[in-house]
């Protein structure tokens, strides 16, 4: 029997140009987002072949990875960063591509500005040279992180060759309890299914708990799909999606928007849609999650203990042993009470206005522990402007946090924001790999922004449910 289509297969088929001799499908890309790190080589390839950008009106650029957040004056002190910036300015100017640079109020992390400008829309195919492009799937788009040669292909042809993945439904039932957040949902999913569990799959996040989430919370979920091995993660569009997009600059306007919403409703997975696999999770029983190791899948509830190596599957024992050694932890250690040196709130996972509001609510009237250096990095200039309008920056500064400019910052440390030596960071970002935050011996604990805020105040990992039992906005 022919499979009843879910959103993924519907959108894939609508954008399929043809099937190549390799067996892959040639897929038309509706929106191409670029930044300064992965695009220079792709533009050079075009130049070497005498090619131009086929659809510059479908390509948009920003700068985020290498941008300093403490001082954004040009030229950058880092020579390589300045060269990357100049290359992006030159390439966008040459090819007539819209560039949201530091001179505009639209600059920010690529996966934050796309949605806030209304570029990201349901039913789209989206590509970007960044692993966390899956973020845009929160709108019912299918969004792919791609490499340099694929960036070249999209620039030159507006298409790329892809193998169709299977689709796994991630059905999250129930409701989140106070002090538990979207970040905890996705960390639990990755812990359950593993960092390789999604290889060959697209993840459809569905169920009552998902539908209750705001758009910013949904973006947190989809953002980390790649950390579980799934190249694509998406959520079916609904009224929450439409309300978020209505009136945004690049979204359809007026009657065109109403027509668009009718189409967007039609592409959503129906009740009879079929899937290649289904995973179930009850959100009601979820607790705050914290990573203890060197992959996002090495996560436990905040009141849990680290594993005993012999109790793990054989394939997981070696990396768990390596993780414990790197982190300086021991088997059966509790994560609760682990001391931290750095607190980082930001990134394309959790650098949105709702994340900052919740963190500010927790730190207001309190002070960062003397042993901790703490920073808040808005995900975009517009997030920063809104936060400053609400006075959030003053709350953070009075509590002892540094208030920074927009950028990727310490999420990946391709800029001056880095861990030093064996520092251990409580981070709202998405990866805890060895060296990810700038120091080869540094250590990262991933958690929700609320948990980071509480850890910054106490100087150690605490349970935010005890710290602020009347948690409000989820992030």
Protein backbone atom coordinates (compact mmCIF):
# COMPACT_ATOMS: atom_id res chain seq x y z
CA UNK A 1 0.00 0.00 0.00
CA UNK A 2 1.31 3.43 -0.86
CA UNK A 3 2.38 5.33 2.24
CA UNK A 4 0.06 8.14 3.27
CA UNK A 5 2.27 11.18 3.14
CA UNK A 6 3.59 13.01 6.14
CA UNK A 7 4.71 16.63 5.76
CA UNK A 8 8.28 15.65 4.98
CA UNK A 9 7.42 13.49 2.00
CA UNK A 10 4.85 16.00 0.75
CA UNK A 11 7.35 18.87 0.74
CA UNK A 12 10.10 16.67 -0.70
CA UNK A 13 7.93 15.60 -3.63
CA UNK A 14 6.79 19.17 -4.32
CA UNK A 15 10.44 20.26 -4.62
CA UNK A 16 11.78 17.25 -6.48
CA UNK A 17 13.16 18.23 -9.89
CA UNK A 18 14.09 14.72 -10.92
CA UNK A 19 16.07 11.60 -10.04
CA UNK A 20 19.78 11.52 -10.87
CA UNK A 21 21.78 8.56 -12.17
CA UNK A 22 23.26 8.19 -8.69
CA UNK A 23 19.76 7.40 -7.40
CA UNK A 24 19.63 10.65 -5.47
CA UNK A 25 16.89 13.19 -6.02
CA UNK A 26 17.59 16.67 -7.29
CA UNK A 27 15.76 18.99 -4.88
CA UNK A 28 14.92 22.64 -5.52
CA UNK A 29 15.94 24.86 -2.59
CA UNK A 30 13.51 27.67 -1.85
CA UNK A 31 15.70 29.59 0.61
CA UNK A 32 19.48 29.64 0.91
CA UNK A 33 21.09 31.21 3.98
CA UNK A 34 24.83 31.89 4.06
CA UNK A 35 27.38 33.20 6.55
CA UNK A 36 31.06 34.09 6.64
CA UNK A 37 32.65 30.74 7.53
CA UNK A 38 31.43 28.22 4.94
CA UNK A 39 30.64 30.47 1.96
CA UNK A 40 34.03 31.94 0.82
CA UNK A 41 35.27 28.69 -0.72
CA UNK A 42 31.93 28.14 -2.49
CA UNK A 43 32.07 31.59 -4.08
CA UNK A 44 35.66 30.91 -5.12
CA UNK A 45 34.50 27.70 -6.85
CA UNK A 46 31.90 29.72 -8.78
CA UNK A 47 34.54 32.23 -9.84
CA UNK A 48 36.90 29.49 -11.01
CA UNK A 49 34.13 28.08 -13.22
CA UNK A 50 32.90 31.42 -14.47
CA UNK A 51 29.48 30.92 -12.85
CA UNK A 52 27.12 33.41 -11.23
CA UNK A 53 24.50 33.00 -8.51
CA UNK A 54 21.37 31.76 -10.28
CA UNK A 55 18.79 33.14 -7.85
CA UNK A 56 20.35 35.86 -5.67
CA UNK A 57 16.84 36.86 -4.55
CA UNK A 58 16.57 33.49 -2.77
CA UNK A 59 19.89 33.86 -0.95
CA UNK A 60 20.42 35.91 2.23
CA UNK A 61 23.61 36.44 4.22
CA UNK A 62 24.58 37.37 7.75
CA UNK A 63 27.71 37.29 9.91
CA UNK A 64 27.69 35.41 13.19
CA UNK A 65 30.40 32.81 13.87
CA UNK A 66 33.51 34.99 13.98
CA UNK A 67 31.95 38.19 15.26
CA UNK A 68 33.44 39.46 18.54
CA UNK A 69 30.70 40.13 21.07
CA UNK A 70 32.58 42.45 23.46
CA UNK A 71 33.82 44.93 20.85
CA UNK A 72 32.40 44.81 17.32
CA UNK A 73 34.34 47.76 15.88
CA UNK A 74 36.02 47.23 12.51
CA UNK A 75 38.56 46.15 11.56
CA UNK A 76 38.41 43.12 13.85
CA UNK A 77 41.55 42.48 15.88
CA UNK A 78 41.60 38.89 14.58
CA UNK A 79 43.06 39.17 11.08
CA UNK A 80 41.42 35.96 9.79
CA UNK A 81 38.02 37.07 11.10
CA UNK A 82 38.39 40.41 9.34
CA UNK A 83 39.36 38.65 6.10
CA UNK A 84 36.26 36.42 6.33
CA UNK A 85 34.10 39.47 6.93
CA UNK A 86 35.56 41.30 3.95
CA UNK A 87 35.11 38.24 1.72
CA UNK A 88 31.42 37.99 2.62
CA UNK A 89 30.92 41.72 2.01
CA UNK A 90 32.64 41.45 -1.35
CA UNK A 91 30.81 38.31 -2.48
CA UNK A 92 27.35 39.54 -1.52
CA UNK A 93 28.00 42.88 -3.23
CA UNK A 94 29.29 41.19 -6.40
CA UNK A 95 26.35 38.82 -6.70
CA UNK A 96 23.56 41.13 -5.51
CA UNK A 97 22.77 39.16 -2.34
CA UNK A 98 21.02 40.79 0.62
CA UNK A 99 23.50 41.02 3.49
CA UNK A 100 22.42 41.59 7.08
CA UNK A 101 25.75 42.92 8.32
CA UNK A 102 26.87 44.62 11.49
CA UNK A 103 25.79 47.94 9.99
CA UNK A 104 22.13 46.81 10.14
CA UNK A 105 19.70 46.01 12.95
CA UNK A 106 19.05 42.63 11.28
CA UNK A 107 22.43 41.02 11.99
CA UNK A 108 22.55 37.94 14.18
CA UNK A 109 22.90 34.19 14.24
CA UNK A 110 21.63 32.86 10.93
CA UNK A 111 19.08 30.50 12.51
CA UNK A 112 17.62 33.29 14.61
CA UNK A 113 17.34 36.04 12.01
CA UNK A 114 15.74 33.81 9.35
CA UNK A 115 12.63 33.20 11.46
CA UNK A 116 12.44 36.66 13.03
CA UNK A 117 12.49 38.31 9.58
CA UNK A 118 9.84 35.94 8.23
CA UNK A 119 12.19 34.40 5.67
CA UNK A 120 11.56 30.95 7.16
CA UNK A 121 8.10 29.70 6.18
CA UNK A 122 6.16 26.41 6.20
CA UNK A 123 6.52 24.12 3.22
CA UNK A 124 9.90 25.52 2.21
CA UNK A 125 13.10 23.69 1.47
CA UNK A 126 15.94 25.55 3.19
CA UNK A 127 19.70 25.04 3.05
CA UNK A 128 22.56 26.63 4.96
CA UNK A 129 26.20 25.78 5.49
CA UNK A 130 25.70 25.10 9.17
CA UNK A 131 24.81 21.96 11.12
CA UNK A 132 21.93 23.53 13.01
CA UNK A 133 19.89 24.50 9.96
CA UNK A 134 17.31 21.99 11.21
CA UNK A 135 16.15 24.86 13.48
CA UNK A 136 13.95 26.16 10.64
CA UNK A 137 11.98 22.91 10.65
CA UNK A 138 10.06 24.33 13.61
CA UNK A 139 7.93 26.13 11.00
CA UNK A 140 7.10 23.04 8.98
CA UNK A 141 9.98 23.55 6.55
CA UNK A 142 12.52 20.88 5.69
CA UNK A 143 15.92 22.40 6.31
CA UNK A 144 19.33 20.92 5.61
CA UNK A 145 22.76 21.75 6.93
CA UNK A 146 25.14 21.46 3.97
CA UNK A 147 28.86 21.53 3.14
CA UNK A 148 30.90 23.84 0.94
CA UNK A 149 30.44 21.90 -2.32
CA UNK A 150 26.68 21.81 -1.77
CA UNK A 151 26.69 25.56 -1.07
CA UNK A 152 28.36 25.94 -4.47
CA UNK A 153 25.66 23.77 -6.08
CA UNK A 154 22.83 25.77 -4.53
CA UNK A 155 24.40 29.09 -5.47
CA UNK A 156 24.88 27.94 -9.07
CA UNK A 157 21.70 25.90 -9.67
CA UNK A 158 19.34 26.51 -6.70
CA UNK A 159 19.21 22.71 -6.34
CA UNK A 160 21.18 19.96 -4.68
CA UNK A 161 21.39 16.18 -4.77
CA UNK A 162 19.95 14.37 -1.76
CA UNK A 163 18.96 10.87 -0.73
CA UNK A 164 15.49 10.69 0.76
CA UNK A 165 15.64 9.77 4.45
CA UNK A 166 13.07 7.74 6.34
CA UNK A 167 10.76 9.59 8.73
CA UNK A 168 10.52 8.90 12.46
CA UNK A 169 7.66 10.38 14.45
CA UNK A 170 8.75 11.65 17.85
CA UNK A 171 5.47 11.69 19.78
CA UNK A 172 5.75 13.75 22.98
CA UNK A 173 2.61 13.50 25.10
CA UNK A 174 1.53 15.18 28.33
CA UNK A 175 2.63 18.61 29.55
CA UNK A 176 5.88 20.05 30.87
CA UNK A 177 5.99 20.71 34.59
CA UNK A 178 7.32 23.98 36.12
CA UNK A 179 11.08 24.20 35.81
CA UNK A 180 11.21 21.83 32.82
CA UNK A 181 11.81 23.30 29.37
CA UNK A 182 12.02 22.54 25.66
CA UNK A 183 15.78 22.02 26.06
CA UNK A 184 15.05 19.19 28.46
CA UNK A 185 12.77 17.50 25.93
CA UNK A 186 15.40 17.38 23.21
CA UNK A 187 18.23 16.38 25.57
CA UNK A 188 16.10 13.49 26.80
CA UNK A 189 15.26 12.39 23.25
CA UNK A 190 18.94 12.38 22.28
CA UNK A 191 19.88 10.54 25.49
CA UNK A 192 17.26 7.87 24.73
CA UNK A 193 17.87 7.41 21.00
CA UNK A 194 21.59 8.20 20.96
CA UNK A 195 23.71 10.57 18.93
CA UNK A 196 23.58 8.16 15.99
CA UNK A 197 19.96 7.11 16.43
CA UNK A 198 18.68 9.54 13.83
CA UNK A 199 21.12 8.72 11.04
CA UNK A 200 19.09 8.14 7.88
CA UNK A 201 15.97 9.72 9.40
CA UNK A 202 14.07 12.95 9.42
CA UNK A 203 12.43 13.58 12.80
CA UNK A 204 8.83 14.79 12.99
CA UNK A 205 8.15 16.17 16.50
CA UNK A 206 4.49 15.76 17.32
CA UNK A 207 2.13 15.23 20.23
CA UNK A 208 0.36 17.33 22.83
CA UNK A 209 3.51 18.60 24.55
CA UNK A 210 4.99 19.81 21.24
CA UNK A 211 1.81 21.58 20.21
CA UNK A 212 1.79 23.46 23.54
CA UNK A 213 5.21 24.97 22.84
CA UNK A 214 5.78 28.51 21.57
CA UNK A 215 7.61 29.00 18.28
CA UNK A 216 10.83 29.84 20.10
CA UNK A 217 10.58 26.66 22.13
CA UNK A 218 9.91 24.66 18.96
CA UNK A 219 13.06 26.11 17.43
CA UNK A 220 15.06 24.85 20.43
CA UNK A 221 13.73 21.34 19.80
CA UNK A 222 14.42 21.28 16.05
CA UNK A 223 17.79 22.99 16.43
CA UNK A 224 19.35 19.97 18.14
CA UNK A 225 17.98 17.31 15.77
CA UNK A 226 21.43 16.98 14.20
CA UNK A 227 22.90 16.17 17.63
CA UNK A 228 20.80 13.02 17.55
CA UNK A 229 21.99 12.14 14.05
CA UNK A 230 18.89 13.37 12.20
CA UNK A 231 19.74 15.79 9.42
CA UNK A 232 16.20 17.20 9.47
CA UNK A 233 13.76 17.85 12.30
CA UNK A 234 10.39 19.52 11.85
CA UNK A 235 7.06 20.35 13.46
CA UNK A 236 3.77 20.61 11.61
CA UNK A 237 2.59 24.22 11.15
CA UNK A 238 -0.46 25.37 13.11
CA UNK A 239 -2.02 28.57 14.45
CA UNK A 240 1.01 29.16 16.68
CA UNK A 241 3.17 29.16 13.54
CA UNK A 242 0.86 31.49 11.63
CA UNK A 243 0.55 33.94 14.53
CA UNK A 244 4.33 34.16 14.78
CA UNK A 245 4.80 34.85 11.06
CA UNK A 246 1.94 37.29 10.56
CA UNK A 247 3.27 40.77 9.77
CA UNK A 248 6.97 39.84 9.57
CA UNK A 249 8.94 41.58 6.85
CA UNK A 250 9.46 38.75 4.38
CA UNK A 251 6.25 36.84 5.11
CA UNK A 252 3.28 37.24 2.74
CA UNK A 253 1.09 40.21 3.62
CA UNK A 254 -2.66 40.79 3.73
CA UNK A 255 -4.77 38.47 1.59
CA UNK A 256 -1.62 36.72 0.36
CA UNK A 257 -0.90 35.66 3.94
CA UNK A 258 -4.40 34.20 4.35
CA UNK A 259 -3.97 32.24 1.11
CA UNK A 260 -0.58 31.03 2.31
CA UNK A 261 -1.98 29.76 5.61
CA UNK A 262 -4.55 27.68 3.74
CA UNK A 263 -1.75 26.04 1.79
CA UNK A 264 0.38 25.60 4.92
CA UNK A 265 -2.48 23.79 6.66
CA UNK A 266 -2.80 21.38 3.74
CA UNK A 267 0.83 20.23 3.81
CA UNK A 268 0.78 19.27 7.51
CA UNK A 269 0.84 15.56 8.33
CA UNK A 270 -2.69 14.22 8.67
CA UNK A 271 -3.96 11.90 11.37
CA UNK A 272 -3.57 9.04 8.89
CA UNK A 273 0.03 9.88 7.93
CA UNK A 274 2.40 6.93 8.07
CA UNK A 275 5.94 6.78 9.40
CA UNK A 276 8.89 4.45 9.24
CA UNK A 277 9.30 4.48 13.02
CA UNK A 278 7.67 5.99 16.11
CA UNK A 279 9.25 7.00 19.45
CA UNK A 280 7.07 7.91 22.46
CA UNK A 281 7.94 10.23 25.35
CA UNK A 282 5.76 11.40 28.24
CA UNK A 283 6.70 15.03 28.96
CA UNK A 284 4.84 15.04 32.27
CA UNK A 285 7.52 12.89 33.90
CA UNK A 286 10.47 14.85 32.48
CA UNK A 287 13.03 16.44 34.78
CA UNK A 288 15.65 19.10 34.03
CA UNK A 289 18.46 17.48 32.01
CA UNK A 290 22.21 18.13 32.21
CA UNK A 291 24.99 16.61 30.12
CA UNK A 292 27.83 15.00 32.05
CA UNK A 293 30.10 13.95 29.18
CA UNK A 294 31.41 14.89 25.73
CA UNK A 295 28.37 14.25 23.54
CA UNK A 296 24.84 15.69 23.84
CA UNK A 297 23.60 12.12 24.28
CA UNK A 298 25.49 11.80 27.57
CA UNK A 299 22.77 13.52 29.59
CA UNK A 300 20.98 12.64 32.81
CA UNK A 301 18.23 14.19 34.95
CA UNK A 302 19.59 16.81 37.33
CA UNK A 303 18.93 14.52 40.31
CA UNK A 304 20.53 11.55 38.57
CA UNK A 305 23.96 9.95 38.71
CA UNK A 306 26.56 9.26 36.06
CA UNK A 307 26.59 5.73 34.68
CA UNK A 308 28.52 2.71 35.81
CA UNK A 309 30.57 1.67 32.78
CA UNK A 310 29.81 -2.04 33.05
CA UNK A 311 26.08 -1.31 32.99
CA UNK A 312 26.27 0.46 29.62
CA UNK A 313 25.93 -1.26 26.22
CA UNK A 314 29.37 -2.43 25.09
CA UNK A 315 29.42 0.08 22.19
CA UNK A 316 28.96 2.97 24.64
CA UNK A 317 31.54 2.00 27.22
CA UNK A 318 34.68 3.37 25.54
CA UNK A 319 33.31 6.86 24.90
CA UNK A 320 31.77 6.97 28.38
CA UNK A 321 35.14 6.11 29.91
CA UNK A 322 36.79 8.81 27.78
CA UNK A 323 34.10 11.29 28.83
CA UNK A 324 34.53 10.63 32.54
CA UNK A 325 38.29 11.01 32.17
CA UNK A 326 38.03 14.29 30.28
CA UNK A 327 35.46 15.75 32.63
CA UNK A 328 37.27 14.62 35.77
CA UNK A 329 34.16 12.81 36.99
CA UNK A 330 33.72 9.31 38.35
CA UNK A 331 31.17 6.55 37.90
CA UNK A 332 28.01 7.12 39.94
CA UNK A 333 28.90 10.77 40.61
CA UNK A 334 25.83 13.02 41.02
CA UNK A 335 25.66 15.95 38.58
CA UNK A 336 23.94 18.06 41.25
CA UNK A 337 26.49 20.20 43.07
CA UNK A 338 29.19 20.09 40.39
CA UNK A 339 31.09 23.39 40.54
CA UNK A 340 31.18 25.66 37.49
CA UNK A 341 33.56 28.44 36.41
CA UNK A 342 31.66 29.94 33.50
CA UNK A 343 27.97 30.49 32.69
CA UNK A 344 26.99 31.10 29.07
CA UNK A 345 23.46 32.04 27.97
CA UNK A 346 23.11 32.37 24.19
CA UNK A 347 23.50 30.44 20.89
CA UNK A 348 21.10 29.50 18.09
CA UNK A 349 19.57 26.99 20.50
CA UNK A 350 18.72 29.35 23.35
CA UNK A 351 19.59 32.96 22.50
CA UNK A 352 16.05 34.23 21.85
CA UNK A 353 14.04 36.79 23.77
CA UNK A 354 11.99 34.21 25.70
CA UNK A 355 15.23 32.55 26.85
CA UNK A 356 16.56 35.87 28.13
CA UNK A 357 13.28 36.78 29.83
CA UNK A 358 13.23 33.52 31.78
CA UNK A 359 16.88 33.78 32.78
CA UNK A 360 16.40 37.42 33.86
CA UNK A 361 13.38 36.44 35.95
CA UNK A 362 15.54 33.97 37.85
CA UNK A 363 18.55 36.23 38.46
CA UNK A 364 16.71 39.44 39.31
CA UNK A 365 17.74 40.64 42.76
CA UNK A 366 20.51 38.04 43.00
CA UNK A 367 24.25 38.03 42.30
CA UNK A 368 26.50 35.77 40.26
CA UNK A 369 28.81 33.72 42.46
CA UNK A 370 32.26 35.29 42.88
CA UNK A 371 33.93 32.23 41.38
CA UNK A 372 31.90 32.43 38.14
CA UNK A 373 32.30 34.61 35.07
CA UNK A 374 28.93 34.86 33.36
CA UNK A 375 27.81 36.26 30.03
CA UNK A 376 24.56 36.75 28.16
CA UNK A 377 24.84 36.93 24.37
CA UNK A 378 21.63 37.81 22.47
CA UNK A 379 21.13 35.72 19.35
CA UNK A 380 20.47 38.75 17.17
CA UNK A 381 20.51 42.52 17.25
CA UNK A 382 16.72 42.53 17.29
CA UNK A 383 16.72 40.26 20.34
CA UNK A 384 19.20 42.64 21.98
CA UNK A 385 17.10 45.69 21.12
CA UNK A 386 13.96 44.08 22.53
CA UNK A 387 15.75 42.91 25.67
CA UNK A 388 17.17 46.38 26.26
CA UNK A 389 13.74 47.91 25.70
CA UNK A 390 12.44 45.64 28.47
CA UNK A 391 15.37 46.44 30.76
CA UNK A 392 16.65 42.86 30.80
CA UNK A 393 20.23 43.97 30.18
CA UNK A 394 20.19 45.99 33.40
CA UNK A 395 18.90 42.99 35.37
CA UNK A 396 21.75 40.85 34.04
CA UNK A 397 24.42 43.51 34.58
CA UNK A 398 23.23 44.23 38.12
CA UNK A 399 23.44 40.51 38.83
CA UNK A 400 27.04 40.38 37.57
CA UNK A 401 26.57 39.04 34.04
CA UNK A 402 28.35 40.59 31.06
CA UNK A 403 25.88 41.86 28.44
CA UNK A 404 27.34 41.29 24.97
CA UNK A 405 26.63 42.03 21.32
CA UNK A 406 24.89 39.51 19.04
CA UNK A 407 26.78 36.48 17.73
CA UNK A 408 27.56 32.80 18.15
CA UNK A 409 30.03 33.61 20.94
CA UNK A 410 31.15 30.78 23.21
CA UNK A 411 28.97 28.15 21.56
CA UNK A 412 31.88 27.31 19.28
CA UNK A 413 34.61 29.85 20.16
CA UNK A 414 35.59 30.87 16.62
CA UNK A 415 35.81 34.32 18.22
CA UNK A 416 37.39 35.75 21.38
CA UNK A 417 34.81 34.15 23.73
CA UNK A 418 36.51 30.96 24.96
CA UNK A 419 36.99 28.76 27.98
CA UNK A 420 40.44 28.88 29.55
CA UNK A 421 42.30 25.78 30.65
CA UNK A 422 40.21 23.30 32.65
CA UNK A 423 37.30 25.67 33.19
CA UNK A 424 33.89 24.05 33.33
CA UNK A 425 30.97 25.83 31.70
CA UNK A 426 27.25 25.71 32.30
CA UNK A 427 26.04 26.43 28.77
CA UNK A 428 22.71 26.86 26.99
CA UNK A 429 24.33 25.91 23.68
CA UNK A 430 24.10 22.65 21.72
CA UNK A 431 27.46 20.85 21.74
CA UNK A 432 29.76 19.68 24.50
CA UNK A 433 32.48 18.13 22.35
CA UNK A 434 36.08 18.23 23.57
CA UNK A 435 37.46 21.67 22.68
CA UNK A 436 34.11 22.99 21.44
CA UNK A 437 34.18 26.10 23.64
CA UNK A 438 37.76 27.05 22.82
CA UNK A 439 39.97 25.15 25.27
CA UNK A 440 41.12 21.59 24.49
CA UNK A 441 40.88 20.79 28.20
CA UNK A 442 37.75 22.86 28.89
CA UNK A 443 34.51 21.15 29.93
CA UNK A 444 30.90 21.89 29.02
CA UNK A 445 27.64 21.04 30.76
CA UNK A 446 24.64 21.59 28.48
CA UNK A 447 21.37 22.65 30.10
CA UNK A 448 18.44 25.04 29.71
CA UNK A 449 18.98 28.81 30.09
CA UNK A 450 17.07 28.71 33.37
CA UNK A 451 19.43 26.04 34.71
CA UNK A 452 22.44 28.08 33.54
CA UNK A 453 21.11 31.17 35.31
CA UNK A 454 20.61 29.28 38.56
CA UNK A 455 24.05 27.67 38.31
CA UNK A 456 25.64 31.07 37.75
CA UNK A 457 24.12 32.40 40.97
CA UNK A 458 25.00 29.37 43.09
CA UNK A 459 28.35 28.57 41.48
CA UNK A 460 27.31 24.96 40.95
CA UNK A 461 24.68 22.82 39.24
CA UNK A 462 21.36 23.18 41.07
CA UNK A 463 17.84 21.96 40.39
CA UNK A 464 15.94 24.96 39.07
CA UNK A 465 12.69 23.41 40.30
CA UNK A 466 13.90 23.94 43.85
CA UNK A 467 15.60 27.22 43.07
CA UNK A 468 12.51 28.79 41.46
CA UNK A 469 9.56 26.44 41.94
CA UNK A 470 7.08 28.84 40.34
CA UNK A 471 8.80 28.80 36.93
CA UNK A 472 6.93 30.88 34.39
CA UNK A 473 7.74 31.12 30.71
CA UNK A 474 9.37 27.97 29.39
CA UNK A 475 12.48 28.36 27.24
